[in-house]
Amino acid sequence: MSEHLQWDPLLIQRYNRPGPRYTSYPTAVEFLPVSGDSFEREAFANRDPETPLSLYIHIPFCAHVCYYCGCNKIVTKRREQAEPYLELLKNEILTKKQLLGSSRRVEQLHFGGGTPTFLSDEQLQDLIEFLQQHFDFSDAASADYSIEIDPRELRPGTLKMLRQHGFNRISFGVQDLEEQVQIAVNRVQPESMIRAVMKEARELGYGSINMDLIYGLPHQTLESFDRTLDTIIELSPDRLSVFNYAHLPERFKPQRRINGDDLPSAQEKLAILGHCIEKLSGADYHYVGMDHFAKPDDELAKAQANGELHRNFQGYTTHGNCDLIGFGVSSISQIGDYYLQNQVTVDAYEHCLTNNTLPTLKYRHVTHDDRIRRYIIAELLCHLNVQFAELDRNFHINSRDYLADSLTELQPMIADELVVVDDVEIRITEKGRLLVRNACMAFDSYLKQHEQPNQERRRFSKAI
């Protein structure tokens, strides 16, 4: 795959409209409310026992509120709140273990949040050992065991304990290294703290380290973000996620503490992104897609080069062959053709588990049409092309006829040389890579339904 990412600010501005990030198709806004857990039990009953597992553990607690954040979280200084939650989590784990039967081979594990390191080292260790007691964790070199950490919420032995218990990848938010920006978003973590975490993680042998950055935060300028990039490139993480800050204070209450007048203009924000892409490419980071960069020798970049990259609720992943089982409030499972989301409040989550039912809030069972469109969207996001012959063979359709409306919708992008459609394939050009979400939206039948009169228009972040 070419590493020359073409940058055309005028085209980007023209196409920069809200759209899904497609961590699933249908997207989570299309999941249907459900009473009881019959659909989730059906999903487990129909699961292919030969399919390995990816486990996601959601720890919702944060000791500090980051004003930009839109995650499902509970901000509290009361550490004792974690203990009853962990007991509920173990209850859910045991219940789903029984539904899985003897097919519990795990190839991937991810702790997310919230702030997983809100838990004490003893609580983390106990939870990890509980999981290891009830699941069969792979010891293959390709196994991926990761956790999101907050550098402010680490004890002297946390990273060592995690490494000793098999974790081989960590991810942590930097967002920006400028103190003025950090103060404005209530996430103050000195550069020295970031350097210390990187040094220790390298010494402990973590195989892949990811850092999150955000562009579009208050007080950011092209010059200030360039200074942050200089330091990040020097620190040399294996992966980088560079996210667009979407200022939606009407949806996310903490964002109301951010002064909109302090945000960079749309032109400055676009310039920051363009410079970021140019600078990271020059530092030998491969643009994976959708805000993600990786060094060429990282497993993410290698998976894309080998045509084996996947996308799910954890973003880009090397383990798309797994069934994803979510534990904890708001977590989402993907079991075959079933999507299942847990209750999003601790009270509702507790009510279900104490009444011996799975904490299911919403579900979706995909249709044949969903499978076709899910495949197309995933191939475009991960590998920038989809072959008509593969669609015909895999889904027993005449894909050119079946997708006629979507291909017509792509015509403006084709005219602007962002997409090529020929007799063989649909292909995203180098010029169109930053706007791949727009191409995917042409194949999203649910977006079209909501664009009809008297239908609710769904709200998503902008592509850039």
Protein backbone atom coordinates (compact mmCIF):
# COMPACT_ATOMS: atom_id res chain seq x y z
CA MET A 1 0.00 0.00 0.00
CA SER A 2 1.38 3.40 -0.96
CA GLU A 3 2.47 5.68 1.85
CA HIS A 4 1.87 8.89 -0.12
CA LEU A 5 -1.23 10.39 1.43
CA GLN A 6 -2.50 13.24 -0.74
CA TRP A 7 -3.73 16.35 1.05
CA ASP A 8 -6.36 18.61 -0.53
CA PRO A 9 -7.88 21.01 2.06
CA LEU A 10 -10.59 22.27 -0.30
CA LEU A 11 -11.88 18.78 -1.04
CA ILE A 12 -11.75 17.85 2.63
CA GLN A 13 -13.79 20.90 3.59
CA ARG A 14 -16.35 20.07 0.89
CA TYR A 15 -16.87 16.52 2.14
CA ASN A 16 -16.40 17.16 5.85
CA ARG A 17 -19.85 16.22 7.14
CA PRO A 18 -21.00 14.09 10.07
CA GLY A 19 -20.93 10.35 9.65
CA PRO A 20 -20.43 7.09 11.56
CA ARG A 21 -17.01 5.72 12.46
CA TYR A 22 -18.24 2.24 11.54
CA THR A 23 -16.89 0.23 14.42
CA SER A 24 -19.90 -1.92 13.51
CA TYR A 25 -22.50 -2.16 10.80
CA PRO A 26 -25.31 -1.60 11.54
CA THR A 27 -23.94 1.09 13.85
CA ALA A 28 -24.78 1.22 17.55
CA VAL A 29 -27.50 3.86 17.02
CA GLU A 30 -29.43 1.21 15.10
CA PHE A 31 -29.45 -1.30 17.96
CA LEU A 32 -32.94 -2.09 19.21
CA PRO A 33 -34.12 -1.91 22.84
CA VAL A 34 -34.98 -5.27 24.30
CA SER A 35 -36.68 -6.54 27.44
CA GLY A 36 -35.02 -9.58 28.97
CA ASP A 37 -32.01 -11.54 27.79
CA SER A 38 -33.50 -14.06 25.36
CA PHE A 39 -31.71 -12.61 22.31
CA GLU A 40 -28.33 -12.72 24.06
CA ARG A 41 -28.88 -16.31 25.18
CA GLU A 42 -29.86 -17.14 21.60
CA ALA A 43 -26.60 -15.59 20.38
CA PHE A 44 -24.54 -17.73 22.74
CA ALA A 45 -26.52 -20.85 21.82
CA ASN A 46 -25.88 -20.29 18.10
CA ARG A 47 -22.19 -19.42 18.53
CA ASP A 48 -19.62 -21.44 16.60
CA PRO A 49 -17.59 -23.13 19.38
CA GLU A 50 -14.50 -23.17 17.16
CA THR A 51 -14.39 -19.36 17.06
CA PRO A 52 -11.84 -17.93 19.54
CA LEU A 53 -12.73 -15.11 21.92
CA SER A 54 -11.81 -11.47 22.39
CA LEU A 55 -12.80 -10.21 25.85
CA TYR A 56 -13.53 -6.57 26.65
CA ILE A 57 -13.74 -5.43 30.28
CA HIS A 58 -15.26 -2.02 30.96
CA ILE A 59 -14.15 -0.21 34.13
CA PRO A 60 -16.29 2.95 34.21
CA PHE A 61 -14.60 4.88 37.04
CA CYS A 62 -12.45 8.00 36.69
CA ALA A 63 -10.90 10.01 39.50
CA HIS A 64 -10.81 13.12 37.29
CA VAL A 65 -13.10 14.45 34.58
CA CYS A 66 -11.44 15.31 31.27
CA TYR A 67 -13.60 18.04 29.79
CA TYR A 68 -13.32 16.75 26.18
CA CYS A 69 -14.48 13.24 27.05
CA GLY A 70 -17.70 11.67 25.76
CA CYS A 71 -17.17 8.17 27.20
CA ASN A 72 -19.52 6.30 29.53
CA LYS A 73 -17.88 6.96 32.90
CA ILE A 74 -18.44 7.59 36.60
CA VAL A 75 -16.30 10.40 37.98
CA THR A 76 -15.62 9.85 41.67
CA LYS A 77 -12.89 10.12 44.29
CA ARG A 78 -14.49 7.30 46.27
CA ARG A 79 -12.31 4.29 45.48
CA GLU A 80 -14.56 2.04 47.55
CA GLN A 81 -17.21 2.23 44.79
CA ALA A 82 -15.12 -0.16 42.72
CA GLU A 83 -15.51 -3.16 45.02
CA PRO A 84 -19.27 -3.81 44.59
CA TYR A 85 -18.90 -3.18 40.86
CA LEU A 86 -16.16 -5.81 40.64
CA GLU A 87 -18.42 -8.33 42.33
CA LEU A 88 -21.13 -7.64 39.73
CA LEU A 89 -18.52 -7.98 36.99
CA LYS A 90 -17.49 -11.40 38.31
CA ASN A 91 -21.14 -12.42 38.40
CA GLU A 92 -21.51 -11.52 34.72
CA ILE A 93 -18.27 -13.31 33.84
CA LEU A 94 -19.44 -16.53 35.52
CA THR A 95 -22.86 -16.36 33.85
CA LYS A 96 -21.41 -15.92 30.37
CA LYS A 97 -18.78 -18.57 31.05
CA GLN A 98 -21.59 -21.09 31.56
CA LEU A 99 -23.20 -20.05 28.27
CA LEU A 100 -19.88 -20.49 26.45
CA GLY A 101 -19.52 -24.04 27.70
CA SER A 102 -16.08 -25.54 27.12
CA SER A 103 -15.19 -23.24 24.17
CA ARG A 104 -13.40 -20.49 26.05
CA ARG A 105 -10.12 -20.00 24.15
CA VAL A 106 -9.08 -16.33 24.39
CA GLU A 107 -6.76 -14.65 21.88
CA GLN A 108 -7.40 -11.04 22.84
CA LEU A 109 -8.19 -9.16 26.06
CA HIS A 110 -8.71 -5.43 26.52
CA PHE A 111 -9.42 -3.41 29.66
CA GLY A 112 -11.06 -0.09 28.81
CA GLY A 113 -13.01 2.65 30.49
CA GLY A 114 -13.27 5.02 32.18
CA THR A 115 -9.89 4.44 33.76
CA PRO A 116 -8.98 0.79 34.40
CA THR A 117 -6.04 1.88 36.56
CA PHE A 118 -8.57 3.57 38.86
CA LEU A 119 -8.59 0.09 40.41
CA SER A 120 -5.86 -0.67 42.93
CA ASP A 121 -3.07 -3.03 41.90
CA GLU A 122 -4.60 -5.66 44.18
CA GLN A 123 -8.03 -5.28 42.54
CA LEU A 124 -6.54 -5.43 39.05
CA GLN A 125 -4.52 -8.52 39.91
CA ASP A 126 -7.52 -10.24 41.46
CA LEU A 127 -9.70 -9.52 38.40
CA ILE A 128 -7.03 -10.71 35.95
CA GLU A 129 -6.46 -13.93 37.89
CA PHE A 130 -10.21 -14.48 38.07
CA LEU A 131 -10.39 -14.25 34.27
CA GLN A 132 -7.39 -16.54 33.86
CA GLN A 133 -9.07 -19.07 36.15
CA HIS A 134 -12.21 -19.22 34.01
CA PHE A 135 -10.87 -18.80 30.46
CA ASP A 136 -8.14 -20.47 28.41
CA PHE A 137 -5.75 -17.67 27.45
CA SER A 138 -3.54 -18.28 24.43
CA ASP A 139 0.21 -18.01 24.92
CA ALA A 140 0.86 -17.58 21.19
CA ALA A 141 3.09 -14.70 20.11
CA SER A 142 0.12 -13.18 18.28
CA ALA A 143 -2.05 -13.01 21.42
CA ASP A 144 -3.00 -9.42 22.26
CA TYR A 145 -3.57 -8.48 25.90
CA SER A 146 -3.95 -4.74 26.38
CA ILE A 147 -5.08 -2.11 28.85
CA GLU A 148 -5.78 1.61 28.78
CA ILE A 149 -3.84 3.43 31.46
CA ASP A 150 -3.90 6.95 32.86
CA PRO A 151 -0.32 8.03 33.69
CA ARG A 152 -1.73 9.96 36.67
CA GLU A 153 -3.28 6.75 38.03
CA LEU A 154 -0.24 4.47 38.19
CA ARG A 155 1.46 3.14 41.29
CA PRO A 156 5.16 2.21 41.29
CA GLY A 157 4.42 -1.47 40.61
CA THR A 158 1.34 -1.28 38.34
CA LEU A 159 3.01 -1.74 34.95
CA LYS A 160 5.26 -4.50 36.29
CA MET A 161 2.31 -6.41 37.76
CA LEU A 162 0.36 -6.14 34.51
CA ARG A 163 3.34 -7.35 32.49
CA GLN A 164 3.85 -10.30 34.83
CA HIS A 165 0.21 -11.25 34.27
CA GLY A 166 0.60 -11.40 30.51
CA PHE A 167 -0.29 -7.91 29.29
CA ASN A 168 1.83 -7.07 26.25
CA ARG A 169 0.30 -3.82 25.03
CA ILE A 170 -0.68 -0.57 26.72
CA SER A 171 -2.45 2.53 25.51
CA PHE A 172 -2.59 5.91 27.18
CA GLY A 173 -3.90 9.35 26.51
CA VAL A 174 -1.46 12.20 26.05
CA GLN A 175 -3.82 14.43 24.02
CA ASP A 176 -1.41 17.43 24.07
CA LEU A 177 1.80 18.30 25.92
CA GLU A 178 1.21 22.06 26.16
CA GLU A 179 0.37 23.07 29.74
CA GLN A 180 -2.15 25.72 28.68
CA VAL A 181 -4.09 23.13 26.67
CA GLN A 182 -3.91 20.56 29.48
CA ILE A 183 -5.28 23.03 32.01
CA ALA A 184 -8.13 24.02 29.67
CA VAL A 185 -9.28 20.38 29.37
CA ASN A 186 -8.48 19.42 32.99
CA ARG A 187 -5.88 16.80 32.12
CA VAL A 188 -2.57 18.05 33.49
CA GLN A 189 0.22 15.49 33.12
CA PRO A 190 3.77 16.85 32.75
CA GLU A 191 6.04 15.67 29.95
CA SER A 192 8.28 14.11 32.60
CA MET A 193 5.40 11.83 33.62
CA ILE A 194 4.87 10.69 30.02
CA ARG A 195 8.58 10.03 29.59
CA ALA A 196 8.70 7.99 32.80
CA VAL A 197 5.80 5.77 31.67
CA MET A 198 7.40 5.18 28.27
CA LYS A 199 10.77 4.34 29.80
CA GLU A 200 9.34 1.86 32.28
CA ALA A 201 7.06 0.21 29.69
CA ARG A 202 9.99 -0.29 27.32
CA GLU A 203 12.17 -1.72 30.08
CA LEU A 204 9.41 -4.15 31.06
CA GLY A 205 9.14 -5.43 27.48
CA TYR A 206 5.71 -4.28 26.37
CA GLY A 207 5.57 -5.17 22.70
CA SER A 208 3.33 -2.34 21.54
CA ILE A 209 2.65 1.05 23.09
CA ASN A 210 -0.12 3.33 21.80
CA MET A 211 -0.55 7.03 22.52
CA ASP A 212 -3.71 9.06 21.93
CA LEU A 213 -3.51 12.65 20.72
CA ILE A 214 -6.41 15.02 20.07
CA TYR A 215 -6.43 17.95 17.65
CA GLY A 216 -8.92 20.79 17.90
CA LEU A 217 -8.58 21.36 21.67
CA PRO A 218 -8.70 24.85 23.23
CA HIS A 219 -5.58 26.99 22.77
CA GLN A 220 -4.04 24.62 20.24
CA THR A 221 -2.23 26.20 17.32
CA LEU A 222 -0.26 24.76 14.45
CA GLU A 223 2.95 25.80 16.19
CA SER A 224 2.02 24.43 19.60
CA PHE A 225 0.88 21.06 18.24
CA ASP A 226 4.09 20.85 16.24
CA ARG A 227 6.02 21.01 19.52
CA THR A 228 3.90 18.18 20.92
CA LEU A 229 4.57 16.11 17.79
CA ASP A 230 8.32 16.69 18.09
CA THR A 231 8.31 15.18 21.57
CA ILE A 232 5.98 12.31 20.66
CA ILE A 233 8.14 11.34 17.68
CA GLU A 234 11.20 11.37 19.94
CA LEU A 235 9.39 9.09 22.44
CA SER A 236 8.61 6.78 19.51
CA PRO A 237 5.38 4.94 20.45
CA ASP A 238 4.53 1.98 18.23
CA ARG A 239 1.06 3.30 17.46
CA LEU A 240 -0.61 6.69 17.49
CA SER A 241 -4.28 7.60 17.47
CA VAL A 242 -4.84 11.21 16.45
CA PHE A 243 -8.49 12.04 17.11
CA ASN A 244 -10.61 14.97 16.04
CA TYR A 245 -12.15 16.80 19.00
CA ALA A 246 -15.86 17.17 18.31
CA HIS A 247 -17.25 20.00 20.45
CA LEU A 248 -20.80 18.89 21.31
CA PRO A 249 -21.56 20.48 24.70
CA GLU A 250 -25.28 19.92 24.23
CA ARG A 251 -24.60 16.15 24.25
CA PHE A 252 -21.65 15.84 26.63
CA LYS A 253 -22.00 17.82 29.83
CA PRO A 254 -18.25 18.05 30.70
CA GLN A 255 -17.63 19.85 27.40
CA ARG A 256 -19.65 22.79 28.70
CA ARG A 257 -16.58 23.70 30.74
CA ILE A 258 -14.65 24.32 27.54
CA ASN A 259 -14.89 27.87 26.23
CA GLY A 260 -15.82 27.63 22.57
CA ASP A 261 -13.97 30.88 21.87
CA ASP A 262 -10.71 29.14 22.85
CA LEU A 263 -11.04 26.46 20.17
CA PRO A 264 -8.94 26.73 17.01
CA SER A 265 -10.77 27.86 13.89
CA ALA A 266 -11.84 25.29 11.31
CA GLN A 267 -8.98 26.42 9.06
CA GLU A 268 -6.40 26.12 11.87
CA LYS A 269 -7.76 22.73 12.86
CA LEU A 270 -7.46 21.48 9.29
CA ALA A 271 -3.93 22.84 9.07
CA ILE A 272 -3.00 21.00 12.29
CA LEU A 273 -4.26 17.72 10.87
CA GLY A 274 -2.49 18.20 7.55
CA HIS A 275 0.78 19.01 9.26
CA CYS A 276 0.35 16.07 11.62
CA ILE A 277 -0.09 13.62 8.75
CA GLU A 278 2.90 15.04 6.88
CA LYS A 279 5.14 15.01 9.96
CA LEU A 280 4.21 11.50 11.11
CA SER A 281 4.63 10.11 7.59
CA GLY A 282 8.07 11.71 7.47
CA ALA A 283 8.88 10.00 10.78
CA ASP A 284 8.12 6.58 9.22
CA TYR A 285 4.63 6.11 10.65
CA HIS A 286 2.27 4.22 8.37
CA TYR A 287 -1.21 5.73 8.07
CA VAL A 288 -3.51 2.79 8.84
CA GLY A 289 -6.66 4.87 8.42
CA MET A 290 -9.37 6.61 10.46
CA ASP A 291 -6.96 8.59 12.68
CA HIS A 292 -4.58 5.67 13.31
CA PHE A 293 -0.85 5.48 12.61
CA ALA A 294 1.57 2.62 13.26
CA LYS A 295 5.22 1.88 12.71
CA PRO A 296 5.73 -0.46 9.74
CA ASP A 297 6.89 -3.30 12.01
CA ASP A 298 3.87 -3.01 14.34
CA GLU A 299 1.30 -5.82 14.13
CA LEU A 300 -1.40 -3.36 13.02
CA ALA A 301 0.57 -2.17 9.99
CA LYS A 302 1.66 -5.71 9.13
CA ALA A 303 -1.93 -6.97 9.31
CA GLN A 304 -3.02 -4.29 6.86
CA ALA A 305 -0.13 -5.08 4.51
CA ASN A 306 -1.14 -8.76 4.59
CA GLY A 307 -4.83 -8.05 4.00
CA GLU A 308 -5.73 -9.28 7.50
CA LEU A 309 -6.80 -6.07 9.23
CA HIS A 310 -10.25 -5.90 10.83
CA ARG A 311 -12.40 -3.30 12.52
CA ASN A 312 -14.71 -3.67 15.52
CA PHE A 313 -15.78 -1.79 18.66
CA GLN A 314 -12.14 -1.60 19.74
CA GLY A 315 -11.22 0.13 16.46
CA TYR A 316 -8.69 -1.45 14.12
CA THR A 317 -7.71 -4.91 15.30
CA THR A 318 -5.63 -7.89 14.27
CA HIS A 319 -8.14 -10.34 15.78
CA GLY A 320 -11.28 -9.92 13.72
CA ASN A 321 -11.64 -13.72 13.62
CA CYS A 322 -12.81 -13.66 17.25
CA ASP A 323 -16.21 -13.35 18.84
CA LEU A 324 -16.11 -10.23 21.01
CA ILE A 325 -17.59 -10.70 24.48
CA GLY A 326 -18.16 -7.53 26.51
CA PHE A 327 -18.34 -7.36 30.30
CA GLY A 328 -19.38 -4.38 32.40
CA VAL A 329 -21.72 -1.43 31.95
CA SER A 330 -22.24 -0.22 28.37
CA SER A 331 -19.94 -2.88 26.90
CA ILE A 332 -20.86 -4.34 23.51
CA SER A 333 -20.55 -7.93 22.35
CA GLN A 334 -20.41 -9.18 18.77
CA ILE A 335 -21.20 -12.88 18.57
CA GLY A 336 -21.46 -14.03 14.99
CA ASP A 337 -24.28 -12.00 13.48
CA TYR A 338 -25.53 -10.72 16.85
CA TYR A 339 -24.67 -7.37 18.42
CA LEU A 340 -25.55 -6.99 22.11
CA GLN A 341 -25.09 -3.98 24.37
CA ASN A 342 -25.12 -4.06 28.17
CA GLN A 343 -27.07 -1.70 30.41
CA VAL A 344 -25.37 1.70 30.60
CA THR A 345 -25.99 2.51 34.27
CA VAL A 346 -24.66 0.57 37.25
CA ASP A 347 -28.12 0.47 38.86
CA ALA A 348 -29.74 -1.18 35.82
CA TYR A 349 -26.72 -3.48 35.40
CA GLU A 350 -26.99 -4.55 39.03
CA HIS A 351 -30.75 -5.06 38.83
CA CYS A 352 -30.36 -7.53 35.95
CA LEU A 353 -27.54 -9.53 37.48
CA THR A 354 -29.13 -9.78 40.92
CA ASN A 355 -32.27 -11.10 39.21
CA ASN A 356 -30.28 -13.77 37.35
CA THR A 357 -30.64 -12.24 33.90
CA LEU A 358 -27.96 -11.02 31.54
CA PRO A 359 -27.69 -7.20 31.60
CA THR A 360 -28.82 -6.79 27.98
CA LEU A 361 -30.08 -3.34 26.99
CA LYS A 362 -30.07 -3.47 23.16
CA TYR A 363 -29.42 -5.94 20.39
CA ARG A 364 -29.23 -6.28 16.64
CA HIS A 365 -29.35 -9.45 14.55
CA VAL A 366 -27.95 -8.62 11.13
CA THR A 367 -29.79 -9.38 7.92
CA HIS A 368 -28.35 -10.70 4.64
CA ASP A 369 -28.27 -7.12 3.33
CA ASP A 370 -26.45 -6.02 6.50
CA ARG A 371 -23.81 -8.71 5.96
CA ILE A 372 -23.14 -7.52 2.42
CA ARG A 373 -22.84 -3.88 3.42
CA ARG A 374 -20.83 -4.71 6.56
CA TYR A 375 -18.31 -6.58 4.41
CA ILE A 376 -18.00 -3.70 1.93
CA ILE A 377 -17.58 -1.05 4.64
CA ALA A 378 -14.98 -3.12 6.51
CA GLU A 379 -12.96 -3.80 3.34
CA LEU A 380 -12.94 -0.12 2.39
CA LEU A 381 -11.94 0.99 5.90
CA CYS A 382 -9.24 -1.64 6.32
CA HIS A 383 -7.91 -2.29 2.82
CA LEU A 384 -9.29 0.56 0.65
CA ASN A 385 -10.89 -1.70 -1.93
CA VAL A 386 -13.55 -4.34 -2.42
CA GLN A 387 -13.70 -6.76 -5.34
CA PHE A 388 -16.98 -7.29 -7.20
CA ALA A 389 -16.10 -10.94 -7.88
CA GLU A 390 -15.63 -11.58 -4.14
CA LEU A 391 -19.01 -10.00 -3.38
CA ASP A 392 -20.68 -12.12 -6.06
CA ARG A 393 -19.04 -15.30 -4.79
CA ASN A 394 -19.45 -14.69 -1.04
CA PHE A 395 -23.04 -13.44 -1.11
CA HIS A 396 -24.49 -15.03 -4.27
CA ILE A 397 -25.53 -11.72 -5.81
CA ASN A 398 -24.87 -9.69 -8.92
CA SER A 399 -23.10 -7.00 -6.92
CA ARG A 400 -23.09 -4.34 -9.65
CA ASP A 401 -26.88 -4.54 -9.89
CA TYR A 402 -27.44 -5.03 -6.15
CA LEU A 403 -25.40 -1.93 -5.29
CA ALA A 404 -26.58 0.26 -8.16
CA ASP A 405 -28.00 2.99 -5.91
CA SER A 406 -24.88 3.13 -3.76
CA LEU A 407 -22.61 3.30 -6.81
CA THR A 408 -24.70 6.18 -8.14
CA GLU A 409 -24.30 7.95 -4.80
CA LEU A 410 -20.52 7.61 -5.16
CA GLN A 411 -20.49 9.55 -8.44
CA PRO A 412 -19.40 12.91 -6.92
CA MET A 413 -16.48 11.19 -5.18
CA ILE A 414 -15.61 9.41 -8.42
CA ALA A 415 -15.69 12.74 -10.28
CA ASP A 416 -13.36 14.23 -7.66
CA GLU A 417 -10.96 11.27 -8.06
CA LEU A 418 -11.49 10.13 -4.47
CA VAL A 419 -12.93 6.76 -5.50
CA VAL A 420 -12.45 4.57 -8.56
CA VAL A 421 -15.14 2.14 -9.68
CA ASP A 422 -14.28 -0.12 -12.62
CA ASP A 423 -15.27 -3.59 -13.80
CA VAL A 424 -13.16 -5.20 -11.09
CA GLU A 425 -13.43 -3.22 -7.87
CA ILE A 426 -14.38 -0.21 -5.79
CA ARG A 427 -11.14 1.46 -4.72
CA ILE A 428 -10.29 4.42 -2.51
CA THR A 429 -7.53 6.53 -4.06
CA GLU A 430 -4.65 8.11 -2.16
CA LYS A 431 -6.50 11.39 -2.60
CA GLY A 432 -9.59 9.88 -0.96
CA ARG A 433 -8.10 8.04 2.01
CA LEU A 434 -8.92 10.74 4.55
CA LEU A 435 -12.53 10.69 3.37
CA VAL A 436 -13.08 6.93 3.36
CA ARG A 437 -15.95 7.36 5.85
CA ASN A 438 -17.82 9.33 3.18
CA ALA A 439 -17.44 6.48 0.71
CA CYS A 440 -18.69 4.01 3.32
CA MET A 441 -21.75 6.16 3.94
CA ALA A 442 -22.86 5.53 0.35
CA PHE A 443 -23.39 1.87 1.30
CA ASP A 444 -25.18 2.59 4.60
CA SER A 445 -28.86 1.84 4.03
CA TYR A 446 -29.83 3.11 7.51
CA LEU A 447 -28.48 6.61 6.85
CA LYS A 448 -30.75 6.81 3.82
CA GLN A 449 -33.76 5.84 5.93
CA HIS A 450 -33.08 8.61 8.44
CA GLU A 451 -32.63 11.19 5.70
CA GLN A 452 -36.26 10.75 4.67
CA PRO A 453 -38.80 13.42 5.70
CA ASN A 454 -40.18 13.15 9.23
CA GLN A 455 -37.38 10.77 10.23
CA GLU A 456 -34.96 11.61 13.01
CA ARG A 457 -31.57 12.72 11.70
CA ARG A 458 -28.86 10.86 13.59
CA ARG A 459 -25.92 12.85 14.88
CA PHE A 460 -22.34 11.80 14.41
CA SER A 461 -18.98 13.54 14.56
CA LYS A 462 -17.58 15.07 11.37
CA ALA A 463 -15.13 13.05 9.31
CA ILE A 464 -12.28 15.52 9.98
